[in-house]
């Protein structure tokens, strides 16, 4: 994976790796990163499977690696579901 990727590119790559039955290997590569930066998370919405894969990456980092998430959405918009 490139050193810098948008959340959309990361989700696309996760879905691609899942289709190729290489998701576990890719997740292990992500685990090796000391810091994962997900910039402008609120810019695009994802389909359900893509969002679930991205959440899996975030959840897997709990207590194992640092995660920085930024969003271009105002704080008041962060809790709303996208339709």
PDB file of N, CA and C in Angstrom:
ATOM      1  N   UNK A   1       0.835  -1.178   0.000  1.00  0.00           N
ATOM      2  CA  UNK A   1       0.000   0.000   0.000  1.00  0.00           C
ATOM      3  C   UNK A   1       0.877   1.239   0.000  1.00  0.00           C
ATOM      4  N   UNK A   2       0.426   2.276  -0.673  1.00  0.00           N
ATOM      5  CA  UNK A   2       1.135   3.543  -0.667  1.00  0.00           C
ATOM      6  C   UNK A   2       1.217   4.074   0.751  1.00  0.00           C
ATOM      7  N   UNK A   3       2.200   4.905   0.981  1.00  0.00           N
ATOM      8  CA  UNK A   3       2.354   5.497   2.305  1.00  0.00           C
ATOM      9  C   UNK A   3       1.216   6.457   2.621  1.00  0.00           C
ATOM     10  N   UNK A   4       0.662   7.089   1.609  1.00  0.00           N
ATOM     11  CA  UNK A   4      -0.433   8.031   1.792  1.00  0.00           C
ATOM     12  C   UNK A   4      -1.609   7.589   0.931  1.00  0.00           C
ATOM     13  N   UNK A   5      -2.758   7.488   1.544  1.00  0.00           N
ATOM     14  CA  UNK A   5      -3.957   7.088   0.800  1.00  0.00           C
ATOM     15  C   UNK A   5      -5.165   7.757   1.434  1.00  0.00           C
ATOM     16  N   UNK A   6      -6.108   8.090   0.623  1.00  0.00           N
ATOM     17  CA  UNK A   6      -7.365   8.629   1.136  1.00  0.00           C
ATOM     18  C   UNK A   6      -8.167   7.478   1.750  1.00  0.00           C
ATOM     19  N   UNK A   7      -9.145   7.783   2.595  1.00  0.00           N
ATOM     20  CA  UNK A   7     -10.004   6.715   3.113  1.00  0.00           C
ATOM     21  C   UNK A   7     -10.688   5.940   1.986  1.00  0.00           C
ATOM     22  N   UNK A   8     -11.096   6.643   0.927  1.00  0.00           N
ATOM     23  CA  UNK A   8     -11.738   5.960  -0.204  1.00  0.00           C
ATOM     24  C   UNK A   8     -10.777   4.980  -0.865  1.00  0.00           C
ATOM     25  N   UNK A   9      -9.524   5.384  -1.044  1.00  0.00           N
ATOM     26  CA  UNK A   9      -8.531   4.487  -1.639  1.00  0.00           C
ATOM     27  C   UNK A   9      -8.266   3.297  -0.729  1.00  0.00           C
ATOM     28  N   UNK A  10      -8.232   3.535   0.572  1.00  0.00           N
ATOM     29  CA  UNK A  10      -8.028   2.439   1.517  1.00  0.00           C
ATOM     30  C   UNK A  10      -9.189   1.457   1.473  1.00  0.00           C
ATOM     31  N   UNK A  11     -10.410   1.971   1.453  1.00  0.00           N
ATOM     32  CA  UNK A  11     -11.587   1.088   1.376  1.00  0.00           C
ATOM     33  C   UNK A  11     -11.567   0.303   0.063  1.00  0.00           C
ATOM     34  N   UNK A  12     -11.249   0.962  -1.029  1.00  0.00           N
ATOM     35  CA  UNK A  12     -11.157   0.260  -2.318  1.00  0.00           C
ATOM     36  C   UNK A  12     -10.134  -0.857  -2.249  1.00  0.00           C
ATOM     37  N   UNK A  13      -8.995  -0.579  -1.644  1.00  0.00           N
ATOM     38  CA  UNK A  13      -7.942  -1.597  -1.529  1.00  0.00           C
ATOM     39  C   UNK A  13      -8.386  -2.743  -0.628  1.00  0.00           C
ATOM     40  N   UNK A  14      -9.051  -2.428   0.470  1.00  0.00           N
ATOM     41  CA  UNK A  14      -9.564  -3.475   1.359  1.00  0.00           C
ATOM     42  C   UNK A  14     -10.540  -4.384   0.621  1.00  0.00           C
ATOM     43  N   UNK A  15     -11.450  -3.783  -0.133  1.00  0.00           N
ATOM     44  CA  UNK A  15     -12.423  -4.577  -0.891  1.00  0.00           C
ATOM     45  C   UNK A  15     -11.729  -5.412  -1.961  1.00  0.00           C
ATOM     46  N   UNK A  16     -10.737  -4.844  -2.610  1.00  0.00           N
ATOM     47  CA  UNK A  16      -9.978  -5.575  -3.632  1.00  0.00           C
ATOM     48  C   UNK A  16      -9.250  -6.773  -3.013  1.00  0.00           C
ATOM     49  N   UNK A  17      -8.615  -6.558  -1.876  1.00  0.00           N
ATOM     50  CA  UNK A  17      -7.894  -7.643  -1.205  1.00  0.00           C
ATOM     51  C   UNK A  17      -8.856  -8.730  -0.728  1.00  0.00           C
ATOM     52  N   UNK A  18     -10.044  -8.317  -0.292  1.00  0.00           N
ATOM     53  CA  UNK A  18     -11.034  -9.297   0.141  1.00  0.00           C
ATOM     54  C   UNK A  18     -11.473 -10.176  -1.035  1.00  0.00           C
ATOM     55  N   UNK A  19     -11.705  -9.559  -2.182  1.00  0.00           N
ATOM     56  CA  UNK A  19     -12.111 -10.322  -3.374  1.00  0.00           C
ATOM     57  C   UNK A  19     -11.027 -11.290  -3.825  1.00  0.00           C
ATOM     58  N   UNK A  20      -9.768 -10.923  -3.584  1.00  0.00           N
ATOM     59  CA  UNK A  20      -8.640 -11.769  -3.985  1.00  0.00           C
ATOM     60  C   UNK A  20      -8.213 -12.728  -2.870  1.00  0.00           C
ATOM     61  N   UNK A  21      -9.009 -12.801  -1.801  1.00  0.00           N
ATOM     62  CA  UNK A  21      -8.716 -13.660  -0.651  1.00  0.00           C
ATOM     63  C   UNK A  21      -7.355 -13.347  -0.033  1.00  0.00           C
ATOM     64  N   UNK A  22      -6.993 -12.060  -0.029  1.00  0.00           N
ATOM     65  CA  UNK A  22      -5.726 -11.630   0.545  1.00  0.00           C
ATOM     66  C   UNK A  22      -5.929 -10.589   1.648  1.00  0.00           C
ATOM     67  N   UNK A  23      -7.143 -10.505   2.170  1.00  0.00           N
ATOM     68  CA  UNK A  23      -7.457  -9.485   3.155  1.00  0.00           C
ATOM     69  C   UNK A  23      -6.629  -9.649   4.427  1.00  0.00           C
ATOM     70  N   UNK A  24      -6.522 -10.861   4.939  1.00  0.00           N
ATOM     71  CA  UNK A  24      -5.768 -11.075   6.183  1.00  0.00           C
ATOM     72  C   UNK A  24      -4.317 -10.635   6.030  1.00  0.00           C
ATOM     73  N   UNK A  25      -3.718 -10.936   4.894  1.00  0.00           N
ATOM     74  CA  UNK A  25      -2.328 -10.529   4.650  1.00  0.00           C
ATOM     75  C   UNK A  25      -2.217  -9.003   4.624  1.00  0.00           C
ATOM     76  N   UNK A  26      -3.168  -8.351   3.980  1.00  0.00           N
ATOM     77  CA  UNK A  26      -3.147  -6.899   3.898  1.00  0.00           C
ATOM     78  C   UNK A  26      -3.356  -6.273   5.279  1.00  0.00           C
ATOM     79  N   UNK A  27      -4.259  -6.843   6.077  1.00  0.00           N
ATOM     80  CA  UNK A  27      -4.486  -6.329   7.425  1.00  0.00           C
ATOM     81  C   UNK A  27      -3.230  -6.451   8.281  1.00  0.00           C
ATOM     82  N   UNK A  28      -2.466  -7.515   8.089  1.00  0.00           N
ATOM     83  CA  UNK A  28      -1.203  -7.674   8.818  1.00  0.00           C
ATOM     84  C   UNK A  28      -0.195  -6.605   8.407  1.00  0.00           C
ATOM     85  N   UNK A  29      -0.209  -6.229   7.127  1.00  0.00           N
ATOM     86  CA  UNK A  29       0.668  -5.151   6.668  1.00  0.00           C
ATOM     87  C   UNK A  29       0.277  -3.835   7.331  1.00  0.00           C
ATOM     88  N   UNK A  30      -1.013  -3.578   7.439  1.00  0.00           N
ATOM     89  CA  UNK A  30      -1.474  -2.361   8.093  1.00  0.00           C
ATOM     90  C   UNK A  30      -1.115  -2.364   9.578  1.00  0.00           C
ATOM     91  N   UNK A  31      -1.146  -3.536  10.204  1.00  0.00           N
ATOM     92  CA  UNK A  31      -0.794  -3.642  11.624  1.00  0.00           C
ATOM     93  C   UNK A  31       0.645  -3.230  11.891  1.00  0.00           C
ATOM     94  N   UNK A  32       1.501  -3.363  10.905  1.00  0.00           N
ATOM     95  CA  UNK A  32       2.914  -3.025  11.083  1.00  0.00           C
ATOM     96  C   UNK A  32       3.164  -1.518  11.117  1.00  0.00           C
ATOM     97  N   UNK A  33       2.186  -0.733  10.668  1.00  0.00           N
ATOM     98  CA  UNK A  33       2.339   0.715  10.679  1.00  0.00           C
ATOM     99  C   UNK A  33       2.247   1.231  12.111  1.00  0.00           C
ATOM    100  N   UNK A  34       3.172   2.096  12.503  1.00  0.00           N
ATOM    101  CA  UNK A  34       3.113   2.680  13.839  1.00  0.00           C
ATOM    102  C   UNK A  34       1.944   3.647  13.961  1.00  0.00           C
ATOM    103  N   UNK A  35       1.667   4.375  12.880  1.00  0.00           N
ATOM    104  CA  UNK A  35       0.591   5.355  12.876  1.00  0.00           C
ATOM    105  C   UNK A  35      -0.175   5.238  11.570  1.00  0.00           C
ATOM    106  N   UNK A  36      -1.468   5.123  11.678  1.00  0.00           N
ATOM    107  CA  UNK A  36      -2.345   5.116  10.514  1.00  0.00           C
ATOM    108  C   UNK A  36      -3.135   6.416  10.538  1.00  0.00           C
ATOM    109  N   UNK A  37      -2.997   7.218   9.494  1.00  0.00           N
ATOM    110  CA  UNK A  37      -3.706   8.490   9.399  1.00  0.00           C
ATOM    111  C   UNK A  37      -4.808   8.348   8.373  1.00  0.00           C
ATOM    112  N   UNK A  38      -6.012   8.638   8.794  1.00  0.00           N
ATOM    113  CA  UNK A  38      -7.167   8.594   7.907  1.00  0.00           C
ATOM    114  C   UNK A  38      -7.684  10.029   7.802  1.00  0.00           C
ATOM    115  N   UNK A  39      -7.316  10.688   6.739  1.00  0.00           N
ATOM    116  CA  UNK A  39      -7.572  12.118   6.572  1.00  0.00           C
ATOM    117  C   UNK A  39      -8.853  12.358   5.780  1.00  0.00           C
ATOM    118  N   UNK A  40      -9.662  13.274   6.266  1.00  0.00           N
ATOM    119  CA  UNK A  40     -10.912  13.674   5.620  1.00  0.00           C
ATOM    120  C   UNK A  40     -11.886  12.498   5.492  1.00  0.00           C
ATOM    121  N   UNK A  41     -12.107  11.838   6.600  1.00  0.00           N
ATOM    122  CA  UNK A  41     -12.981  10.665   6.610  1.00  0.00           C
ATOM    123  C   UNK A  41     -14.400  10.985   6.176  1.00  0.00           C
ATOM    124  N   UNK A  42     -14.912  12.142   6.516  1.00  0.00           N
ATOM    125  CA  UNK A  42     -16.295  12.461   6.197  1.00  0.00           C
ATOM    126  C   UNK A  42     -16.541  12.957   4.793  1.00  0.00           C
ATOM    127  N   UNK A  43     -15.494  13.029   3.971  1.00  0.00           N
ATOM    128  CA  UNK A  43     -15.626  13.600   2.639  1.00  0.00           C
ATOM    129  C   UNK A  43     -16.513  12.754   1.730  1.00  0.00           C
ATOM    130  N   UNK A  44     -16.360  11.435   1.773  1.00  0.00           N
ATOM    131  CA  UNK A  44     -17.161  10.524   0.948  1.00  0.00           C
ATOM    132  C   UNK A  44     -17.843   9.489   1.826  1.00  0.00           C
ATOM    133  N   UNK A  45     -18.979   9.023   1.392  1.00  0.00           N
ATOM    134  CA  UNK A  45     -19.623   7.922   2.109  1.00  0.00           C
ATOM    135  C   UNK A  45     -19.215   6.608   1.440  1.00  0.00           C
ATOM    136  N   UNK A  46     -19.321   5.521   2.194  1.00  0.00           N
ATOM    137  CA  UNK A  46     -18.924   4.205   1.700  1.00  0.00           C
ATOM    138  C   UNK A  46     -20.119   3.276   1.707  1.00  0.00           C
ATOM    139  N   UNK A  47     -20.050   2.247   0.875  1.00  0.00           N
ATOM    140  CA  UNK A  47     -21.084   1.223   0.954  1.00  0.00           C
ATOM    141  C   UNK A  47     -20.907   0.460   2.267  1.00  0.00           C
ATOM    142  N   UNK A  48     -21.901  -0.326   2.608  1.00  0.00           N
ATOM    143  CA  UNK A  48     -21.886  -1.012   3.907  1.00  0.00           C
ATOM    144  C   UNK A  48     -20.658  -1.904   4.083  1.00  0.00           C
ATOM    145  N   UNK A  49     -20.332  -2.699   3.086  1.00  0.00           N
ATOM    146  CA  UNK A  49     -19.193  -3.615   3.230  1.00  0.00           C
ATOM    147  C   UNK A  49     -17.883  -2.841   3.361  1.00  0.00           C
ATOM    148  N   UNK A  50     -17.745  -1.751   2.610  1.00  0.00           N
ATOM    149  CA  UNK A  50     -16.544  -0.928   2.716  1.00  0.00           C
ATOM    150  C   UNK A  50     -16.410  -0.288   4.078  1.00  0.00           C
ATOM    151  N   UNK A  51     -17.533   0.211   4.599  1.00  0.00           N
ATOM    152  CA  UNK A  51     -17.522   0.822   5.931  1.00  0.00           C
ATOM    153  C   UNK A  51     -17.177  -0.214   7.004  1.00  0.00           C
ATOM    154  N   UNK A  52     -17.700  -1.428   6.851  1.00  0.00           N
ATOM    155  CA  UNK A  52     -17.397  -2.492   7.815  1.00  0.00           C
ATOM    156  C   UNK A  52     -15.922  -2.871   7.777  1.00  0.00           C
ATOM    157  N   UNK A  53     -15.343  -2.925   6.587  1.00  0.00           N
ATOM    158  CA  UNK A  53     -13.921  -3.233   6.479  1.00  0.00           C
ATOM    159  C   UNK A  53     -13.071  -2.137   7.112  1.00  0.00           C
ATOM    160  N   UNK A  54     -13.433  -0.891   6.867  1.00  0.00           N
ATOM    161  CA  UNK A  54     -12.687   0.228   7.455  1.00  0.00           C
ATOM    162  C   UNK A  54     -12.810   0.201   8.977  1.00  0.00           C
ATOM    163  N   UNK A  55     -13.993  -0.080   9.493  1.00  0.00           N
ATOM    164  CA  UNK A  55     -14.173  -0.191  10.934  1.00  0.00           C
ATOM    165  C   UNK A  55     -13.329  -1.325  11.495  1.00  0.00           C
ATOM    166  N   UNK A  56     -13.226  -2.416  10.754  1.00  0.00           N
ATOM    167  CA  UNK A  56     -12.396  -3.539  11.208  1.00  0.00           C
ATOM    168  C   UNK A  56     -10.949  -3.095  11.364  1.00  0.00           C
ATOM    169  N   UNK A  57     -10.450  -2.313  10.402  1.00  0.00           N
ATOM    170  CA  UNK A  57      -9.082  -1.798  10.494  1.00  0.00           C
ATOM    171  C   UNK A  57      -8.941  -0.943  11.746  1.00  0.00           C
ATOM    172  N   UNK A  58      -9.897  -0.044  11.964  1.00  0.00           N
ATOM    173  CA  UNK A  58      -9.844   0.829  13.135  1.00  0.00           C
ATOM    174  C   UNK A  58      -9.894   0.007  14.430  1.00  0.00           C
ATOM    175  N   UNK A  59     -10.808  -0.940  14.494  1.00  0.00           N
ATOM    176  CA  UNK A  59     -10.966  -1.753  15.699  1.00  0.00           C
ATOM    177  C   UNK A  59      -9.735  -2.615  15.958  1.00  0.00           C
ATOM    178  N   UNK A  60      -9.120  -3.140  14.910  1.00  0.00           N
ATOM    179  CA  UNK A  60      -7.933  -3.979  15.057  1.00  0.00           C
ATOM    180  C   UNK A  60      -6.754  -3.208  15.640  1.00  0.00           C
ATOM    181  N   UNK A  61      -6.742  -1.885  15.441  1.00  0.00           N
ATOM    182  CA  UNK A  61      -5.632  -1.081  15.947  1.00  0.00           C
ATOM    183  C   UNK A  61      -5.752  -0.777  17.438  1.00  0.00           C
ATOM    184  N   UNK A  62      -6.900  -1.066  18.024  1.00  0.00           N
ATOM    185  CA  UNK A  62      -7.124  -0.761  19.434  1.00  0.00           C
ATOM    186  C   UNK A  62      -6.030  -1.403  20.289  1.00  0.00           C
ATOM    187  N   UNK A  63      -5.326  -0.594  21.028  1.00  0.00           N
ATOM    188  CA  UNK A  63      -4.228  -0.987  21.916  1.00  0.00           C
ATOM    189  C   UNK A  63      -3.047  -1.619  21.191  1.00  0.00           C
ATOM    190  N   UNK A  64      -3.003  -1.553  19.867  1.00  0.00           N
ATOM    191  CA  UNK A  64      -1.884  -2.151  19.131  1.00  0.00           C
ATOM    192  C   UNK A  64      -1.176  -1.151  18.235  1.00  0.00           C
ATOM    193  N   UNK A  65      -1.817  -0.052  17.913  1.00  0.00           N
ATOM    194  CA  UNK A  65      -1.212   0.937  17.030  1.00  0.00           C
ATOM    195  C   UNK A  65      -1.973   2.239  17.118  1.00  0.00           C
ATOM    196  N   UNK A  66      -1.308   3.304  16.736  1.00  0.00           N
ATOM    197  CA  UNK A  66      -1.924   4.626  16.799  1.00  0.00           C
ATOM    198  C   UNK A  66      -2.769   4.884  15.563  1.00  0.00           C
ATOM    199  N   UNK A  67      -3.844   5.622  15.759  1.00  0.00           N
ATOM    200  CA  UNK A  67      -4.775   5.953  14.694  1.00  0.00           C
ATOM    201  C   UNK A  67      -5.153   7.420  14.822  1.00  0.00           C
ATOM    202  N   UNK A  68      -5.014   8.155  13.744  1.00  0.00           N
ATOM    203  CA  UNK A  68      -5.397   9.562  13.710  1.00  0.00           C
ATOM    204  C   UNK A  68      -6.461   9.714  12.637  1.00  0.00           C
ATOM    205  N   UNK A  69      -7.619  10.227  13.033  1.00  0.00           N
ATOM    206  CA  UNK A  69      -8.730  10.404  12.105  1.00  0.00           C
ATOM    207  C   UNK A  69      -9.071  11.882  12.046  1.00  0.00           C
ATOM    208  N   UNK A  70      -9.141  12.426  10.845  1.00  0.00           N
ATOM    209  CA  UNK A  70      -9.586  13.802  10.663  1.00  0.00           C
ATOM    210  C   UNK A  70     -10.823  13.783   9.778  1.00  0.00           C
ATOM    211  N   UNK A  71     -11.596  14.846   9.875  1.00  0.00           N
ATOM    212  CA  UNK A  71     -12.800  14.958   9.070  1.00  0.00           C
ATOM    213  C   UNK A  71     -13.004  16.410   8.668  1.00  0.00           C
ATOM    214  N   UNK A  72     -13.576  16.607   7.506  1.00  0.00           N
ATOM    215  CA  UNK A  72     -13.900  17.955   7.069  1.00  0.00           C
ATOM    216  C   UNK A  72     -15.315  18.353   7.488  1.00  0.00           C
ATOM    217  N   UNK A  73     -16.009  17.449   8.155  1.00  0.00           N
ATOM    218  CA  UNK A  73     -17.374  17.737   8.594  1.00  0.00           C
ATOM    219  C   UNK A  73     -17.357  18.582   9.866  1.00  0.00           C
ATOM    220  N   UNK A  74     -18.302  19.494   9.998  1.00  0.00           N
ATOM    221  CA  UNK A  74     -18.439  20.200  11.263  1.00  0.00           C
ATOM    222  C   UNK A  74     -18.811  19.201  12.359  1.00  0.00           C
ATOM    223  N   UNK A  75     -18.432  19.485  13.577  1.00  0.00           N
ATOM    224  CA  UNK A  75     -18.711  18.578  14.687  1.00  0.00           C
ATOM    225  C   UNK A  75     -20.191  18.238  14.781  1.00  0.00           C
ATOM    226  N   UNK A  76     -21.056  19.211  14.509  1.00  0.00           N
ATOM    227  CA  UNK A  76     -22.494  18.969  14.595  1.00  0.00           C
ATOM    228  C   UNK A  76     -22.988  17.931  13.587  1.00  0.00           C
ATOM    229  N   UNK A  77     -22.227  17.676  12.517  1.00  0.00           N
ATOM    230  CA  UNK A  77     -22.614  16.724  11.481  1.00  0.00           C
ATOM    231  C   UNK A  77     -22.052  15.321  11.724  1.00  0.00           C
ATOM    232  N   UNK A  78     -21.160  15.163  12.657  1.00  0.00           N
ATOM    233  CA  UNK A  78     -20.468  13.895  12.845  1.00  0.00           C
ATOM    234  C   UNK A  78     -21.362  12.758  13.324  1.00  0.00           C
ATOM    235  N   UNK A  79     -22.408  13.054  14.033  1.00  0.00           N
ATOM    236  CA  UNK A  79     -23.247  11.978  14.557  1.00  0.00           C
ATOM    237  C   UNK A  79     -24.387  11.598  13.624  1.00  0.00           C
ATOM    238  N   UNK A  80     -24.569  12.341  12.541  1.00  0.00           N
ATOM    239  CA  UNK A  80     -25.658  12.035  11.609  1.00  0.00           C
ATOM    240  C   UNK A  80     -25.269  10.909  10.678  1.00  0.00           C
ATOM    241  N   UNK A  81     -26.214  10.035  10.393  1.00  0.00           N
ATOM    242  CA  UNK A  81     -25.980   8.957   9.422  1.00  0.00           C
ATOM    243  C   UNK A  81     -26.118   9.522   8.026  1.00  0.00           C
ATOM    244  N   UNK A  82     -25.232   9.043   7.132  1.00  0.00           N
ATOM    245  CA  UNK A  82     -25.367   9.476   5.734  1.00  0.00           C
ATOM    246  C   UNK A  82     -26.383   8.587   5.053  1.00  0.00           C
ATOM    247  N   UNK A  83     -27.164   9.155   4.171  1.00  0.00           N
ATOM    248  CA  UNK A  83     -28.251   8.414   3.532  1.00  0.00           C
ATOM    249  C   UNK A  83     -27.852   7.955   2.252  1.00  0.00           C
TER     250      UNK A  83
END
